[in-house]
């Protein structure tokens, strides 16, 4: 089954066919760096990180561009108000670029915690002002823009396709303009390519129309085309950016090049908190710093980034997602169960290497690259091969149906349960190697689920813990319960919990 994606442009599910296969050029709108990242950022960038991981796992050569907006994004998200970064800089008594640098680093830290892989290129708007001026000049020369009082505006009536992404007509936009029309604009829907810098405005550059700064919409179309080309394969972003931001990007780019700007538009839906839309005015926004480390009065406790990532992936990227303490606690329970089952396979393989040092090691990688994750190279028994093939097929079908991570996660849960059962029934080593390899690939490489110390866990440490577990069991058999309890408590004090089950002690 080929990959199908829901294209916002046309509002339908379409077969994915990049312009120059196997290469795929994808641009995702990055953050405006005037505050710490929040839950909405987590939803968007985890979703697109997983999409890109699946494209690469499917054999595509992905060129992933995500920008940093450090100038030009005004407080009304259109052409009125103050630059968001300048406003925060004035509040903090800092230079605007110091604010941009502070929150860029904060954003990257949060994305690293969520195991979101870095884009191939992260251009900054302030580093591409020359290209944006040239684009505005070209649109003026083509009759798609006009200059007034040192500002340059795009004339939406010059582009008949304006509104095709959002489904809005220019007439509708004029009737219900989001902001009162500025006197210098010809039409309410016209948008700024270049803004005149008022006296005292720090972020300013020289231009043919006087000192000023670029419009927010122009920045993304210029940076995406600079690093991908005139036509993108995929443009991603939050649903709230569909209009006006993405609509304006299309108008600028296609008026300039005469070519389609993007083949597939992908938009992730929004998040709510306890059923309520998040906004600063309601006082219910939660930063990722609060969610992971500091705590918030709006949630009962903090949550590990891997739990948050798994919670996001348990819903479809195009559906709304409601955060609550109850929902996150349920996701945490599921995440820990999945982790324990995967680690049970690892530990079983570590124990087998202790008795047979020549046995293959799961963490050293598969002996071949055949199949997703190379599990077939281990030569599992026929029954296990059939189970793994079925799981691999259903996982791929889910991801190929517009990146249905919710269904894909469900497949992983089933597979982990089966593999855990194979551990308890003492299945052949090759069966465990094959199952473990596929699980590691699906959870780690594709879904990006990385539990604390997941990659740093050494076979030697696991072996030492198992020795303590065995000593405790021997103490219990000898009815030395004081020693057995002491071992259990001291292991618990360093974060290792022992669970006595009918199939033996698990940790």
Protein backbone atom coordinates (compact mmCIF):
# COMPACT_ATOMS: atom_id res chain seq x y z
CA UNK A 1 0.00 0.00 0.00
CA UNK A 2 1.40 3.38 -1.02
CA UNK A 3 1.54 6.41 1.23
CA UNK A 4 -1.59 8.56 1.29
CA UNK A 5 -1.74 12.02 2.85
CA UNK A 6 -4.61 14.39 3.54
CA UNK A 7 -3.89 17.46 1.43
CA UNK A 8 -5.49 20.59 2.90
CA UNK A 9 -5.29 22.05 -0.60
CA UNK A 10 -8.27 20.17 -2.04
CA UNK A 11 -9.34 18.72 1.33
CA UNK A 12 -8.94 15.11 0.31
CA UNK A 13 -6.75 12.06 0.81
CA UNK A 14 -4.21 11.77 -2.01
CA UNK A 15 -1.50 9.36 -3.08
CA UNK A 16 1.85 10.87 -2.17
CA UNK A 17 4.08 11.44 -5.20
CA UNK A 18 7.04 13.79 -4.68
CA UNK A 19 8.25 15.97 -7.50
CA UNK A 20 11.69 14.33 -7.78
CA UNK A 21 11.55 10.92 -6.08
CA UNK A 22 13.13 9.66 -3.93
CA UNK A 23 13.92 13.21 -2.80
CA UNK A 24 11.34 14.99 -0.66
CA UNK A 25 11.54 18.69 0.22
CA UNK A 26 9.53 19.55 3.33
CA UNK A 27 9.18 22.88 5.10
CA UNK A 28 7.51 23.29 8.49
CA UNK A 29 6.84 26.68 10.06
CA UNK A 30 9.07 27.03 13.08
CA UNK A 31 8.48 28.95 16.30
CA UNK A 32 8.43 32.70 16.85
CA UNK A 33 11.01 32.86 19.63
CA UNK A 34 9.58 35.33 22.12
CA UNK A 35 8.63 32.87 24.91
CA UNK A 36 9.17 29.29 26.03
CA UNK A 37 7.65 26.49 23.94
CA UNK A 38 4.22 25.25 25.02
CA UNK A 39 1.92 22.26 24.55
CA UNK A 40 0.89 23.41 21.07
CA UNK A 41 4.51 23.34 19.95
CA UNK A 42 4.86 19.81 21.30
CA UNK A 43 1.83 18.62 19.32
CA UNK A 44 3.04 20.18 16.07
CA UNK A 45 6.72 19.30 16.12
CA UNK A 46 6.33 15.77 17.50
CA UNK A 47 3.76 15.13 14.76
CA UNK A 48 5.98 16.36 11.95
CA UNK A 49 9.08 14.72 13.42
CA UNK A 50 7.26 11.37 13.25
CA UNK A 51 6.08 12.09 9.71
CA UNK A 52 9.65 12.75 8.63
CA UNK A 53 10.93 9.67 10.45
CA UNK A 54 8.40 7.53 8.54
CA UNK A 55 9.29 9.10 5.20
CA UNK A 56 12.95 8.29 5.80
CA UNK A 57 12.12 4.78 7.00
CA UNK A 58 10.16 4.33 3.77
CA UNK A 59 13.24 5.08 1.69
CA UNK A 60 12.75 8.78 0.88
CA UNK A 61 15.68 11.20 0.98
CA UNK A 62 14.19 14.01 3.01
CA UNK A 63 15.45 17.59 3.01
CA UNK A 64 13.75 19.02 6.10
CA UNK A 65 13.70 22.80 6.60
CA UNK A 66 12.25 24.48 9.67
CA UNK A 67 12.72 28.19 10.24
CA UNK A 68 13.20 30.36 13.29
CA UNK A 69 11.09 33.53 13.21
CA UNK A 70 13.11 36.18 15.01
CA UNK A 71 11.63 39.32 13.42
CA UNK A 72 8.45 40.52 11.76
CA UNK A 73 5.75 38.50 13.55
CA UNK A 74 3.37 41.16 14.87
CA UNK A 75 1.09 40.79 17.87
CA UNK A 76 -2.13 40.51 15.81
CA UNK A 77 -0.61 37.83 13.50
CA UNK A 78 -1.30 40.17 10.56
CA UNK A 79 -0.08 43.73 9.91
CA UNK A 80 -1.00 45.54 13.12
CA UNK A 81 0.52 45.71 16.56
CA UNK A 82 4.09 45.39 17.73
CA UNK A 83 6.76 42.84 16.87
CA UNK A 84 6.32 40.04 19.44
CA UNK A 85 10.05 39.76 20.11
CA UNK A 86 10.49 43.53 20.45
CA UNK A 87 7.61 43.66 22.93
CA UNK A 88 9.17 40.90 25.06
CA UNK A 89 12.60 42.57 24.83
CA UNK A 90 11.19 45.83 26.15
CA UNK A 91 9.46 43.98 29.00
CA UNK A 92 12.67 42.20 29.99
CA UNK A 93 15.03 45.11 29.33
CA UNK A 94 17.03 43.17 26.73
CA UNK A 95 18.03 43.62 23.10
CA UNK A 96 15.52 41.84 20.81
CA UNK A 97 18.21 39.52 19.46
CA UNK A 98 19.13 38.51 23.02
CA UNK A 99 15.49 37.50 23.53
CA UNK A 100 15.49 35.59 20.23
CA UNK A 101 18.68 33.76 21.19
CA UNK A 102 17.40 32.92 24.68
CA UNK A 103 14.17 31.37 23.47
CA UNK A 104 15.74 29.67 20.44
CA UNK A 105 17.99 27.75 22.80
CA UNK A 106 15.03 27.03 25.08
CA UNK A 107 13.05 25.68 22.13
CA UNK A 108 15.88 23.40 21.04
CA UNK A 109 16.27 22.05 24.59
CA UNK A 110 12.56 21.22 24.74
CA UNK A 111 12.61 19.53 21.34
CA UNK A 112 15.69 17.51 22.33
CA UNK A 113 13.85 16.38 25.46
CA UNK A 114 10.94 15.21 23.27
CA UNK A 115 13.44 13.36 21.04
CA UNK A 116 12.51 15.56 18.08
CA UNK A 117 15.34 15.32 15.59
CA UNK A 118 16.92 18.58 14.42
CA UNK A 119 15.94 19.76 10.92
CA UNK A 120 18.55 19.61 8.17
CA UNK A 121 18.53 23.41 7.97
CA UNK A 122 17.11 25.94 10.47
CA UNK A 123 17.25 29.34 8.73
CA UNK A 124 16.53 32.51 10.68
CA UNK A 125 14.37 35.24 9.21
CA UNK A 126 16.84 37.93 10.25
CA UNK A 127 19.57 36.19 8.23
CA UNK A 128 17.58 36.36 4.98
CA UNK A 129 16.53 40.00 4.81
CA UNK A 130 18.41 40.59 1.55
CA UNK A 131 16.48 37.82 -0.21
CA UNK A 132 13.19 39.14 1.18
CA UNK A 133 13.89 42.64 -0.13
CA UNK A 134 14.67 41.19 -3.55
CA UNK A 135 11.41 39.23 -3.52
CA UNK A 136 9.42 42.36 -2.64
CA UNK A 137 11.15 44.27 -5.43
CA UNK A 138 10.28 41.52 -7.93
CA UNK A 139 6.62 41.46 -6.88
CA UNK A 140 6.46 45.24 -7.27
CA UNK A 141 7.94 44.94 -10.78
CA UNK A 142 5.35 42.30 -11.72
CA UNK A 143 2.46 44.47 -10.54
CA UNK A 144 1.52 42.26 -7.59
CA UNK A 145 2.50 44.78 -4.93
CA UNK A 146 2.47 48.49 -4.21
CA UNK A 147 4.50 50.80 -1.98
CA UNK A 148 3.11 53.49 0.26
CA UNK A 149 4.87 55.53 2.94
CA UNK A 150 7.85 53.18 3.05
CA UNK A 151 5.78 49.98 3.40
CA UNK A 152 5.16 47.44 0.63
CA UNK A 153 1.86 45.54 0.43
CA UNK A 154 0.79 42.57 -1.67
CA UNK A 155 -2.34 43.24 -3.74
CA UNK A 156 -4.52 40.15 -3.26
CA UNK A 157 -6.72 41.15 -6.22
CA UNK A 158 -3.70 40.60 -8.48
CA UNK A 159 -3.69 36.89 -7.62
CA UNK A 160 -6.96 35.14 -8.58
CA UNK A 161 -6.09 32.05 -6.54
CA UNK A 162 -6.02 33.87 -3.21
CA UNK A 163 -8.16 31.89 -0.77
CA UNK A 164 -7.79 28.47 -2.41
CA UNK A 165 -6.11 26.92 0.64
CA UNK A 166 -8.49 28.25 3.29
CA UNK A 167 -11.61 28.28 1.11
CA UNK A 168 -12.16 32.00 1.69
CA UNK A 169 -12.92 34.49 -1.07
CA UNK A 170 -11.50 38.00 -1.22
CA UNK A 171 -15.04 39.37 -1.00
CA UNK A 172 -15.61 37.48 2.26
CA UNK A 173 -12.32 38.74 3.63
CA UNK A 174 -13.24 42.33 2.84
CA UNK A 175 -16.64 41.94 4.52
CA UNK A 176 -15.20 40.42 7.71
CA UNK A 177 -11.69 41.83 7.93
CA UNK A 178 -9.86 40.69 11.05
CA UNK A 179 -8.43 44.17 11.67
CA UNK A 180 -9.64 47.58 10.71
CA UNK A 181 -8.23 48.57 7.34
CA UNK A 182 -5.13 50.75 7.51
CA UNK A 183 -5.54 53.94 5.56
CA UNK A 184 -2.51 53.14 3.41
CA UNK A 185 -3.89 49.76 2.32
CA UNK A 186 -5.99 49.57 -0.82
CA UNK A 187 -7.96 46.54 0.45
CA UNK A 188 -8.36 44.96 3.92
CA UNK A 189 -6.99 41.60 2.76
CA UNK A 190 -3.76 43.09 1.36
CA UNK A 191 -0.78 42.11 3.50
CA UNK A 192 2.65 43.54 4.19
CA UNK A 193 5.75 42.36 2.38
CA UNK A 194 7.85 45.08 4.01
CA UNK A 195 7.00 47.35 6.93
CA UNK A 196 8.32 50.83 7.55
CA UNK A 197 10.19 50.99 10.88
CA UNK A 198 8.72 53.60 13.19
CA UNK A 199 11.09 55.83 15.19
CA UNK A 200 12.72 53.85 17.98
CA UNK A 201 12.09 50.45 16.35
CA UNK A 202 15.33 48.50 16.93
CA UNK A 203 14.96 45.67 14.39
CA UNK A 204 15.43 47.57 11.12
CA UNK A 205 17.32 47.21 7.85
CA UNK A 206 17.96 49.58 4.92
CA UNK A 207 15.82 49.01 1.82
CA UNK A 208 14.86 50.85 -1.39
CA UNK A 209 11.81 52.16 0.53
CA UNK A 210 13.63 53.30 3.63
CA UNK A 211 14.54 51.49 6.84
CA UNK A 212 12.15 48.75 7.88
CA UNK A 213 11.70 45.02 8.42
CA UNK A 214 10.16 42.11 6.48
CA UNK A 215 6.58 40.90 6.74
CA UNK A 216 6.04 37.58 8.52
CA UNK A 217 4.42 35.87 5.54
CA UNK A 218 7.22 36.80 3.14
CA UNK A 219 9.86 35.26 5.40
CA UNK A 220 8.61 31.68 5.10
CA UNK A 221 8.04 31.66 1.35
CA UNK A 222 11.53 33.09 0.76
CA UNK A 223 13.36 30.71 3.11
CA UNK A 224 11.51 27.60 1.97
CA UNK A 225 12.19 28.27 -1.70
CA UNK A 226 15.82 29.19 -1.08
CA UNK A 227 16.59 25.78 0.41
CA UNK A 228 14.14 23.54 -1.47
CA UNK A 229 13.29 25.24 -4.77
CA UNK A 230 10.24 26.91 -6.33
CA UNK A 231 7.96 23.94 -5.56
CA UNK A 232 7.89 22.20 -2.19
CA UNK A 233 6.70 18.63 -1.80
CA UNK A 234 5.22 19.20 1.67
CA UNK A 235 4.52 22.32 3.68
CA UNK A 236 3.49 21.68 7.28
CA UNK A 237 2.27 23.70 10.20
CA UNK A 238 -0.47 24.24 12.70
CA UNK A 239 -4.08 24.62 11.60
CA UNK A 240 -4.04 28.17 12.97
CA UNK A 241 -1.45 29.09 10.34
CA UNK A 242 -3.61 27.99 7.43
CA UNK A 243 -5.02 31.53 7.22
CA UNK A 244 -3.63 34.06 6.76
CA UNK A 245 -0.04 32.87 6.92
CA UNK A 246 -0.01 29.93 4.51
CA UNK A 247 -2.54 31.54 2.20
CA UNK A 248 -0.26 34.54 1.85
CA UNK A 249 2.80 32.34 1.27
CA UNK A 250 1.05 30.77 -1.72
CA UNK A 251 0.07 34.13 -3.20
CA UNK A 252 3.59 35.56 -2.94
CA UNK A 253 5.43 32.50 -4.19
CA UNK A 254 3.18 31.64 -7.13
CA UNK A 255 2.91 35.26 -8.25
CA UNK A 256 6.68 35.42 -8.32
CA UNK A 257 7.53 32.09 -10.01
CA UNK A 258 4.37 31.18 -11.92
CA UNK A 259 4.76 27.61 -10.59
CA UNK A 260 2.81 25.69 -7.92
CA UNK A 261 4.29 26.58 -4.54
CA UNK A 262 3.53 23.32 -2.72
CA UNK A 263 2.13 19.92 -3.75
CA UNK A 264 0.84 18.78 -0.33
CA UNK A 265 -0.25 20.93 2.59
CA UNK A 266 -0.35 19.14 5.96
CA UNK A 267 -1.86 20.82 9.03
CA UNK A 268 -1.90 19.49 12.57
CA UNK A 269 -4.88 20.29 14.76
CA UNK A 270 -4.86 22.28 17.97
CA UNK A 271 -4.59 21.32 21.65
CA UNK A 272 -6.83 22.16 24.58
CA UNK A 273 -6.35 21.92 28.33
CA UNK A 274 -9.11 20.26 30.34
CA UNK A 275 -11.46 20.86 27.40
CA UNK A 276 -10.69 24.57 27.16
CA UNK A 277 -8.79 26.38 24.43
CA UNK A 278 -5.39 27.51 25.65
CA UNK A 279 -4.60 31.22 25.52
CA UNK A 280 -2.63 33.75 27.50
CA UNK A 281 -5.79 35.79 28.09
CA UNK A 282 -7.36 32.81 29.90
CA UNK A 283 -4.21 32.18 31.91
CA UNK A 284 -4.16 28.48 31.02
CA UNK A 285 -1.05 28.11 28.90
CA UNK A 286 1.56 25.60 30.07
CA UNK A 287 5.15 25.77 28.88
CA UNK A 288 7.06 22.58 28.23
CA UNK A 289 9.50 23.62 30.95
CA UNK A 290 6.60 23.56 33.43
CA UNK A 291 5.25 20.31 32.04
CA UNK A 292 8.60 18.48 32.23
CA UNK A 293 10.43 19.99 35.20
CA UNK A 294 8.86 22.87 37.11
CA UNK A 295 5.21 21.91 37.55
CA UNK A 296 2.08 23.94 36.92
CA UNK A 297 -0.96 24.75 39.02
CA UNK A 298 -3.06 23.46 36.09
CA UNK A 299 -1.72 19.89 36.22
CA UNK A 300 -1.26 17.58 39.19
CA UNK A 301 2.39 16.81 38.50
CA UNK A 302 5.20 16.88 35.95
CA UNK A 303 5.51 14.27 33.22
CA UNK A 304 8.49 12.78 31.44
CA UNK A 305 8.95 14.02 27.86
CA UNK A 306 8.64 10.47 26.50
CA UNK A 307 5.21 10.17 28.12
CA UNK A 308 4.12 13.44 26.52
CA UNK A 309 5.42 12.28 23.15
CA UNK A 310 3.57 8.97 23.40
CA UNK A 311 0.39 10.78 24.49
CA UNK A 312 0.58 12.97 21.37
CA UNK A 313 1.15 9.97 19.11
CA UNK A 314 -1.86 8.15 20.54
CA UNK A 315 -4.07 10.57 18.62
CA UNK A 316 -4.06 11.46 14.92
CA UNK A 317 -2.15 14.61 14.03
CA UNK A 318 -5.27 16.10 12.37
CA UNK A 319 -7.50 15.65 15.42
CA UNK A 320 -7.70 18.01 18.42
CA UNK A 321 -5.86 16.82 21.52
CA UNK A 322 -6.97 17.59 25.08
CA UNK A 323 -4.33 17.63 27.79
CA UNK A 324 -5.39 16.83 31.35
CA UNK A 325 -3.80 15.22 34.38
CA UNK A 326 -6.04 12.17 33.98
CA UNK A 327 -5.19 11.69 30.31
CA UNK A 328 -1.46 12.12 30.90
CA UNK A 329 -1.49 9.71 33.85
CA UNK A 330 -3.19 7.10 31.67
CA UNK A 331 -0.59 7.69 28.95
CA UNK A 332 2.15 7.36 31.56
CA UNK A 333 0.85 3.97 32.69
CA UNK A 334 0.76 2.77 29.09
CA UNK A 335 4.19 4.16 28.37
CA UNK A 336 5.77 2.44 31.35
CA UNK A 337 4.08 -0.85 30.48
CA UNK A 338 5.40 -0.66 26.92
CA UNK A 339 8.87 0.24 28.21
CA UNK A 340 8.91 -2.66 30.67
CA UNK A 341 7.89 -5.17 28.01
CA UNK A 342 10.56 -3.96 25.58
CA UNK A 343 13.20 -3.94 28.28
CA UNK A 344 12.17 -7.45 29.32
CA UNK A 345 13.30 -8.65 25.89
CA UNK A 346 16.60 -6.80 26.26
CA UNK A 347 17.29 -8.28 29.67
CA UNK A 348 16.47 -11.78 28.52
CA UNK A 349 19.01 -11.37 25.74
CA UNK A 350 21.60 -10.01 28.18
CA UNK A 351 21.12 -13.07 30.39
CA UNK A 352 21.54 -15.37 27.41
CA UNK A 353 24.78 -13.69 26.41
CA UNK A 354 26.08 -14.39 29.89
CA UNK A 355 25.73 -18.11 29.27
CA UNK A 356 26.66 -17.90 25.58
CA UNK A 357 29.08 -15.01 24.91
CA UNK A 358 28.98 -15.79 21.18
CA UNK A 359 25.26 -15.07 20.87
CA UNK A 360 24.24 -12.04 18.79
CA UNK A 361 23.57 -8.82 20.71
CA UNK A 362 20.35 -6.89 20.04
CA UNK A 363 21.91 -3.51 20.80
CA UNK A 364 24.83 -4.10 18.41
CA UNK A 365 22.40 -4.09 15.49
CA UNK A 366 20.97 -6.70 13.14
CA UNK A 367 23.21 -8.82 10.91
CA UNK A 368 21.45 -7.56 7.77
CA UNK A 369 19.33 -4.66 6.63
CA UNK A 370 16.50 -6.83 5.36
CA UNK A 371 13.00 -5.74 6.37
CA UNK A 372 12.04 -2.88 8.67
CA UNK A 373 14.82 -2.83 11.22
CA UNK A 374 16.52 -5.91 9.76
CA UNK A 375 14.73 -8.41 12.00
CA UNK A 376 14.48 -11.02 9.25
CA UNK A 377 18.26 -11.45 9.30
CA UNK A 378 18.02 -13.24 12.64
CA UNK A 379 16.03 -16.13 11.14
CA UNK A 380 13.16 -16.49 13.64
CA UNK A 381 10.96 -19.58 13.74
CA UNK A 382 8.05 -19.73 11.31
CA UNK A 383 5.38 -18.80 13.86
CA UNK A 384 7.30 -15.79 15.14
CA UNK A 385 8.18 -14.74 11.59
CA UNK A 386 4.48 -14.74 10.70
CA UNK A 387 3.59 -12.70 13.79
CA UNK A 388 6.33 -10.14 13.12
CA UNK A 389 5.45 -9.87 9.43
CA UNK A 390 1.81 -9.25 10.33
CA UNK A 391 2.75 -6.57 12.87
CA UNK A 392 5.12 -4.90 10.42
CA UNK A 393 2.44 -4.87 7.71
CA UNK A 394 -0.25 -3.43 9.98
CA UNK A 395 2.13 -0.79 11.32
CA UNK A 396 3.08 0.25 7.77
CA UNK A 397 -0.59 0.31 6.69
CA UNK A 398 -1.40 2.62 9.59
CA UNK A 399 1.45 5.02 8.87
CA UNK A 400 0.73 4.98 5.14
CA UNK A 401 -2.87 6.02 5.82
CA UNK A 402 -2.04 9.68 6.45
CA UNK A 403 0.40 8.89 9.27
CA UNK A 404 -2.13 7.29 11.61
CA UNK A 405 0.14 7.07 14.64
CA UNK A 406 -2.75 6.11 16.92
CA UNK A 407 -3.25 2.84 15.02
CA UNK A 408 0.52 2.34 14.73
CA UNK A 409 1.00 2.67 18.50
CA UNK A 410 -1.76 0.10 19.03
CA UNK A 411 0.16 -2.36 16.84
CA UNK A 412 3.32 -1.76 18.87
CA UNK A 413 1.46 -2.48 22.12
CA UNK A 414 0.24 -5.81 20.70
CA UNK A 415 3.71 -6.74 19.47
CA UNK A 416 5.33 -5.84 22.81
CA UNK A 417 2.79 -8.03 24.64
CA UNK A 418 3.60 -10.95 22.33
CA UNK A 419 7.36 -10.46 22.77
CA UNK A 420 6.98 -10.29 26.54
CA UNK A 421 5.13 -13.61 26.35
CA UNK A 422 7.95 -15.12 24.33
CA UNK A 423 10.37 -14.13 27.10
CA UNK A 424 8.33 -15.93 29.75
CA UNK A 425 7.96 -19.04 27.59
CA UNK A 426 11.72 -19.14 26.99
CA UNK A 427 11.44 -18.73 23.22
CA UNK A 428 14.54 -19.33 21.07
CA UNK A 429 17.15 -16.58 21.11
CA UNK A 430 16.66 -15.77 17.42
CA UNK A 431 12.96 -15.23 18.04
CA UNK A 432 13.72 -12.72 20.79
CA UNK A 433 16.40 -11.03 18.68
CA UNK A 434 14.00 -10.63 15.76
CA UNK A 435 11.15 -9.35 17.95
CA UNK A 436 13.41 -7.02 19.89
CA UNK A 437 14.96 -5.60 16.74
CA UNK A 438 11.58 -4.84 15.19
CA UNK A 439 10.30 -3.31 18.44
CA UNK A 440 13.40 -1.14 18.79
CA UNK A 441 12.98 0.08 15.23
CA UNK A 442 9.27 0.85 15.45
CA UNK A 443 9.38 2.51 18.87
CA UNK A 444 12.79 4.18 18.71
CA UNK A 445 13.49 4.97 15.08
CA UNK A 446 9.97 5.67 13.81
CA UNK A 447 7.88 6.72 16.80
CA UNK A 448 10.84 8.32 18.57
CA UNK A 449 10.00 6.88 21.99
CA UNK A 450 13.16 7.12 24.07
CA UNK A 451 12.84 6.39 27.76
CA UNK A 452 15.43 7.77 30.21
CA UNK A 453 18.75 5.95 29.92
CA UNK A 454 17.28 3.85 27.11
CA UNK A 455 20.39 4.01 24.93
CA UNK A 456 22.80 4.23 27.83
CA UNK A 457 21.77 0.99 29.52
CA UNK A 458 24.78 -1.34 29.44
CA UNK A 459 24.74 -5.10 29.47
CA UNK A 460 27.15 -5.04 32.41
CA UNK A 461 24.81 -2.93 34.55
CA UNK A 462 21.84 -5.14 33.68
CA UNK A 463 23.89 -8.16 34.63
CA UNK A 464 24.78 -6.65 38.02
CA UNK A 465 21.14 -5.89 38.76
CA UNK A 466 20.20 -9.43 37.80
CA UNK A 467 22.84 -10.76 40.21
CA UNK A 468 21.19 -8.79 43.03
CA UNK A 469 17.79 -10.11 41.99
CA UNK A 470 19.12 -13.66 42.05
CA UNK A 471 20.73 -13.11 45.49
CA UNK A 472 17.42 -11.79 46.83
CA UNK A 473 15.58 -14.84 45.50
CA UNK A 474 18.15 -17.12 47.13
CA UNK A 475 17.67 -15.24 50.41
CA UNK A 476 13.91 -15.73 50.17
CA UNK A 477 14.35 -19.46 49.57
CA UNK A 478 16.57 -19.59 52.67
CA UNK A 479 13.82 -17.68 54.58
CA UNK A 480 16.23 -14.80 55.16
CA UNK A 481 13.47 -12.28 54.57
CA UNK A 482 15.31 -9.42 56.27
CA UNK A 483 18.11 -9.61 53.69
CA UNK A 484 15.63 -10.06 50.83
CA UNK A 485 13.71 -6.96 51.93
CA UNK A 486 16.93 -5.00 52.31
CA UNK A 487 17.99 -5.81 48.75
CA UNK A 488 14.55 -4.86 47.45
CA UNK A 489 14.48 -1.54 49.33
CA UNK A 490 18.02 -0.53 48.37
CA UNK A 491 17.30 -1.23 44.71
CA UNK A 492 14.08 0.78 44.98
CA UNK A 493 16.00 3.71 46.49
CA UNK A 494 17.99 4.03 43.25
CA UNK A 495 14.94 3.75 41.03
CA UNK A 496 14.77 -0.01 40.40
CA UNK A 497 11.49 -1.68 41.33
CA UNK A 498 11.22 -5.45 41.70
CA UNK A 499 7.97 -7.19 40.84
CA UNK A 500 7.36 -10.77 41.91
CA UNK A 501 5.16 -12.51 39.32
CA UNK A 502 4.12 -16.15 38.75
CA UNK A 503 6.79 -16.24 36.03
CA UNK A 504 9.56 -14.96 38.29
CA UNK A 505 10.94 -11.63 39.48
CA UNK A 506 10.84 -8.79 36.97
CA UNK A 507 12.48 -5.39 37.38
